[in-house]
Protein backbone atom coordinates (compact mmCIF):
# COMPACT_ATOMS: atom_id res chain seq x y z
CA UNK A 1 -45.97 21.95 68.25
CA UNK A 2 -49.61 22.33 68.64
CA UNK A 3 -50.11 18.64 69.52
CA UNK A 4 -47.96 19.20 72.63
CA UNK A 5 -49.43 22.58 73.18
CA UNK A 6 -53.02 21.00 73.58
CA UNK A 7 -51.59 17.78 75.63
CA UNK A 8 -49.98 20.28 77.96
CA UNK A 9 -52.95 22.83 78.34
CA UNK A 10 -55.11 19.93 79.11
CA UNK A 11 -53.42 17.55 81.33
CA UNK A 12 -50.37 19.79 82.32
CA UNK A 13 -47.53 16.96 81.44
CA UNK A 14 -46.28 15.20 78.78
CA UNK A 15 -45.84 17.72 76.27
CA UNK A 16 -41.94 17.50 77.05
CA UNK A 17 -41.56 13.85 75.41
CA UNK A 18 -44.10 14.85 72.13
CA UNK A 19 -41.56 17.90 71.65
CA UNK A 20 -38.52 16.74 72.28
CA UNK A 21 -39.47 13.53 69.71
CA UNK A 22 -40.83 15.42 67.19
CA UNK A 23 -38.26 18.48 67.02
CA UNK A 24 -35.37 15.59 67.46
CA UNK A 25 -36.44 14.70 63.69
CA UNK A 26 -35.30 18.01 62.43
CA UNK A 27 -32.57 19.66 65.01
CA UNK A 28 -29.85 18.20 67.21
CA UNK A 29 -30.80 17.54 70.75
CA UNK A 30 -28.24 20.37 72.07
CA UNK A 31 -30.68 22.86 70.15
CA UNK A 32 -34.18 20.75 70.77
CA UNK A 33 -33.55 20.38 75.03
CA UNK A 34 -33.04 23.96 76.04
CA UNK A 35 -35.79 25.06 73.19
CA UNK A 36 -38.53 22.81 75.14
CA UNK A 37 -37.35 23.68 78.45
CA UNK A 38 -38.52 27.35 77.13
CA UNK A 39 -41.35 26.06 75.99
CA UNK A 40 -42.15 24.55 79.11
CA UNK A 41 -41.61 27.56 80.81
CA UNK A 42 -44.02 29.89 78.90
CA UNK A 43 -47.07 27.55 78.40
CA UNK A 44 -46.75 27.05 82.53
CA UNK A 45 -46.36 30.39 82.92
CA UNK A 46 -49.12 31.33 80.42
CA UNK A 47 -51.88 28.89 82.61
CA UNK A 48 -50.69 30.63 86.12
CA UNK A 49 -53.76 33.03 86.14
CA UNK A 50 -56.17 30.13 85.60
CA UNK A 51 -54.59 27.87 88.04
CA UNK A 52 -53.24 30.13 90.80
CA UNK A 53 -55.92 29.76 93.08
CA UNK A 54 -55.82 25.92 92.96
CA UNK A 55 -51.81 25.65 93.36
CA UNK A 56 -51.04 23.34 96.68
CA UNK A 57 -47.80 25.13 97.23
CA UNK A 58 -46.80 23.20 100.11
CA UNK A 59 -46.37 19.78 98.17
CA UNK A 60 -45.22 21.51 95.15
CA UNK A 61 -42.36 23.40 97.21
CA UNK A 62 -41.52 20.04 98.88
CA UNK A 63 -41.17 18.43 96.12
CA UNK A 64 -39.16 20.56 94.49
CA UNK A 65 -36.65 20.51 96.87
CA UNK A 66 -36.10 16.84 97.12
CA UNK A 67 -35.84 16.79 93.18
CA UNK A 68 -33.65 19.71 93.09
CA UNK A 69 -31.39 18.27 95.46
CA UNK A 70 -31.41 14.60 94.46
CA UNK A 71 -30.92 15.00 90.58
CA UNK A 72 -26.99 15.56 90.94
CA UNK A 73 -26.87 12.27 92.47
CA UNK A 74 -28.89 10.99 89.41
CA UNK A 75 -26.69 12.40 87.17
CA UNK A 76 -24.04 10.54 89.04
CA UNK A 77 -25.75 7.41 88.46
CA UNK A 78 -25.95 7.71 85.00
CA UNK A 79 -22.26 8.12 84.29
CA UNK A 80 -21.91 4.95 86.57
CA UNK A 81 -24.53 2.74 85.41
CA UNK A 82 -25.75 1.25 82.58
CA UNK A 83 -28.72 3.59 81.41
CA UNK A 84 -30.90 1.58 79.38
CA UNK A 85 -31.33 -1.32 81.88
CA UNK A 86 -32.45 1.87 84.20
CA UNK A 87 -34.76 3.09 81.84
CA UNK A 88 -36.48 -0.06 81.50
CA UNK A 89 -36.58 -0.42 85.50
CA UNK A 90 -38.13 2.61 85.91
CA UNK A 91 -40.61 2.40 83.09
CA UNK A 92 -41.91 -1.32 84.65
CA UNK A 93 -42.44 0.63 88.08
CA UNK A 94 -44.53 3.25 86.35
CA UNK A 95 -46.56 1.06 84.57
CA UNK A 96 -47.40 -1.14 87.61
CA UNK A 97 -48.43 1.87 89.73
CA UNK A 98 -50.48 3.14 87.05
CA UNK A 99 -52.28 -0.13 86.40
CA UNK A 100 -52.68 0.11 90.11
CA UNK A 101 -54.12 3.55 89.72
CA UNK A 102 -56.49 2.59 87.21
CA UNK A 103 -57.84 -0.34 89.28
CA UNK A 104 -59.15 2.01 91.75
CA UNK A 105 -55.80 2.54 94.44
CA UNK A 106 -55.77 5.95 96.11
CA UNK A 107 -54.44 6.88 99.05
CA UNK A 108 -56.73 7.99 102.17
CA UNK A 109 -54.82 11.09 103.34
CA UNK A 110 -52.34 13.70 101.67
CA UNK A 111 -48.82 12.35 102.20
CA UNK A 112 -46.81 14.23 105.01
CA UNK A 113 -43.92 16.43 104.85
CA UNK A 114 -41.28 13.45 104.69
CA UNK A 115 -43.42 11.36 101.91
CA UNK A 116 -43.49 14.16 100.13
CA UNK A 117 -39.54 15.00 99.79
CA UNK A 118 -39.03 11.34 99.44
CA UNK A 119 -41.26 11.32 96.30
CA UNK A 120 -39.36 14.51 94.89
CA UNK A 121 -36.02 12.75 95.94
CA UNK A 122 -36.98 9.69 93.84
CA UNK A 123 -38.00 12.27 91.02
CA UNK A 124 -34.97 13.80 91.03
CA UNK A 125 -32.58 10.23 90.86
CA UNK A 126 -35.12 9.66 87.84
CA UNK A 127 -34.37 13.07 85.99
CA UNK A 128 -30.80 12.80 86.44
CA UNK A 129 -30.62 9.27 86.11
CA UNK A 130 -32.69 8.72 83.05
CA UNK A 131 -34.13 12.03 82.25
CA UNK A 132 -37.61 11.11 83.29
CA UNK A 133 -38.43 13.33 85.93
CA UNK A 134 -42.70 13.33 85.93
CA UNK A 135 -44.04 10.09 86.65
CA UNK A 136 -43.59 9.86 90.21
CA UNK A 137 -44.73 13.25 90.59
CA UNK A 138 -47.86 12.54 88.54
CA UNK A 139 -48.25 9.12 90.19
CA UNK A 140 -48.16 11.21 93.60
CA UNK A 141 -50.64 13.79 92.96
CA UNK A 142 -52.94 11.00 90.97
CA UNK A 143 -52.96 8.92 94.18
CA UNK A 144 -53.68 11.77 96.41
CA UNK A 145 -57.37 12.54 97.76
CA UNK A 146 -56.96 16.26 97.06
CA UNK A 147 -58.32 16.25 93.46
CA UNK A 148 -58.14 16.54 89.90
CA UNK A 149 -58.35 20.61 89.53
CA UNK A 150 -55.83 21.06 92.50
CA UNK A 151 -53.33 17.60 91.43
CA UNK A 152 -52.84 19.40 87.63
CA UNK A 153 -52.50 23.00 89.06
CA UNK A 154 -49.32 21.71 91.46
CA UNK A 155 -48.33 19.21 88.38
CA UNK A 156 -47.99 22.49 85.84
CA UNK A 157 -46.33 24.49 88.80
CA UNK A 158 -43.65 21.79 89.50
CA UNK A 159 -42.87 21.86 86.05
CA UNK A 160 -42.38 25.51 85.54
CA UNK A 161 -39.61 24.57 88.64
CA UNK A 162 -37.98 22.24 87.17
CA UNK A 163 -38.21 24.49 83.70
CA UNK A 164 -36.64 26.76 84.92
CA UNK A 165 -34.01 25.55 86.81
CA UNK A 166 -32.88 23.56 83.59
CA UNK A 167 -33.05 26.44 81.35
CA UNK A 168 -30.66 28.13 84.10
CA UNK A 169 -28.53 25.08 84.31
CA UNK A 170 -28.68 25.51 79.98
CA UNK A 171 -28.43 29.44 79.78
CA UNK A 172 -24.93 29.29 82.23
CA UNK A 173 -23.14 26.55 79.25
CA UNK A 174 -24.17 29.40 77.05
CA UNK A 175 -26.78 26.89 74.95
CA UNK A 176 -29.86 29.42 75.47
CA UNK A 177 -28.93 31.22 72.19
CA UNK A 178 -30.28 33.83 70.29
CA UNK A 179 -31.09 31.01 68.04
CA UNK A 180 -33.56 29.55 70.55
CA UNK A 181 -35.18 32.36 71.27
CA UNK A 182 -35.99 33.32 67.98
CA UNK A 183 -37.58 29.50 67.14
CA UNK A 184 -39.34 30.39 70.76
CA UNK A 185 -41.35 33.65 69.62
CA UNK A 186 -41.77 32.20 66.25
CA UNK A 187 -43.84 29.54 67.93
CA UNK A 188 -45.75 31.28 70.76
CA UNK A 189 -48.89 31.91 68.25
CA UNK A 190 -49.16 28.09 67.97
CA UNK A 191 -47.90 27.54 71.60
CA UNK A 192 -51.00 29.81 73.24
CA UNK A 193 -53.25 28.61 70.71
CA UNK A 194 -52.78 24.87 71.56
CA UNK A 195 -52.79 25.62 75.69
CA UNK A 196 -55.93 27.59 75.46
CA UNK A 197 -57.64 24.69 73.48
CA UNK A 198 -56.60 21.89 75.81
CA UNK A 199 -57.12 24.55 79.02
CA UNK A 200 -60.74 24.71 77.94
CA UNK A 201 -61.25 20.94 77.43
CA UNK A 202 -60.01 20.49 80.96
CA UNK A 203 -62.69 22.87 82.51
CA UNK A 204 -65.65 21.36 80.80
CA UNK A 205 -63.89 17.57 81.38
CA UNK A 206 -65.13 15.33 83.74
CA UNK A 207 -62.67 14.33 86.97
CA UNK A 208 -63.03 10.80 85.92
CA UNK A 209 -62.32 11.03 82.26
CA UNK A 210 -59.42 13.79 83.18
CA UNK A 211 -57.67 10.99 85.26
CA UNK A 212 -58.14 8.20 82.66
CA UNK A 213 -56.01 10.58 80.22
CA UNK A 214 -53.72 11.66 82.48
CA UNK A 215 -53.25 7.80 83.61
CA UNK A 216 -53.25 6.39 79.46
CA UNK A 217 -50.69 9.17 79.20
CA UNK A 218 -48.19 8.13 81.75
CA UNK A 219 -48.58 4.76 80.14
CA UNK A 220 -47.53 5.83 76.81
CA UNK A 221 -44.71 7.57 78.42
CA UNK A 222 -43.49 4.74 79.97
CA UNK A 223 -43.85 2.67 77.15
CA UNK A 224 -41.85 5.25 75.17
CA UNK A 225 -38.95 5.18 77.76
CA UNK A 226 -39.08 1.19 77.01
CA UNK A 227 -38.37 1.91 73.37
CA UNK A 228 -36.09 4.52 73.80
CA UNK A 229 -33.86 2.02 75.67
CA UNK A 230 -34.31 -1.57 73.12
CA UNK A 231 -33.96 0.84 70.10
CA UNK A 232 -31.37 3.66 70.96
């Protein structure tokens, strides 16, 4: 919980993978996933006052529209296609894109409305198909010339939106139970402390060191997806 919260406070993404992996050792997935969604929502809301003025609302809104629209199609693909080969393909694409960014690739200008929605659609397909919504959006912001502070703030807000949508879907199914909420309440001190430490670390970090950390985290997540496909 604490390590994931520090990662969330620093980078704005990657914590859910750590939380799901660790908590799945102790609890069944139907209890873990709604709890992690609540962690994502609470930690993002906790960061909002500090990042509010840095959020690029236009891109966040367009990405969310595309993501939420395409997620059902991704779920359909999950039911129709073999998921493990799809996970490997997605992971390879993420690793190649991350390698390009590591070598200095960057867009000259912020993508337009159509391109931003298209990235959201792709993220939605990944979300429904392989449960991997974040990398497309993180790569979008990391390749954009808007700067790391705006990128991080927008990533956090995007995950707040997807987390709220996911939690709402679980709540409709009756899976956000009193037990899930009581566990969330018990974990809040650890969650808030880790997020505070991570955010303080970001505020004192050099932009390039933050960018390197984010790219390394993306590489780790992509390799974890490959491992999940090879050793389910």
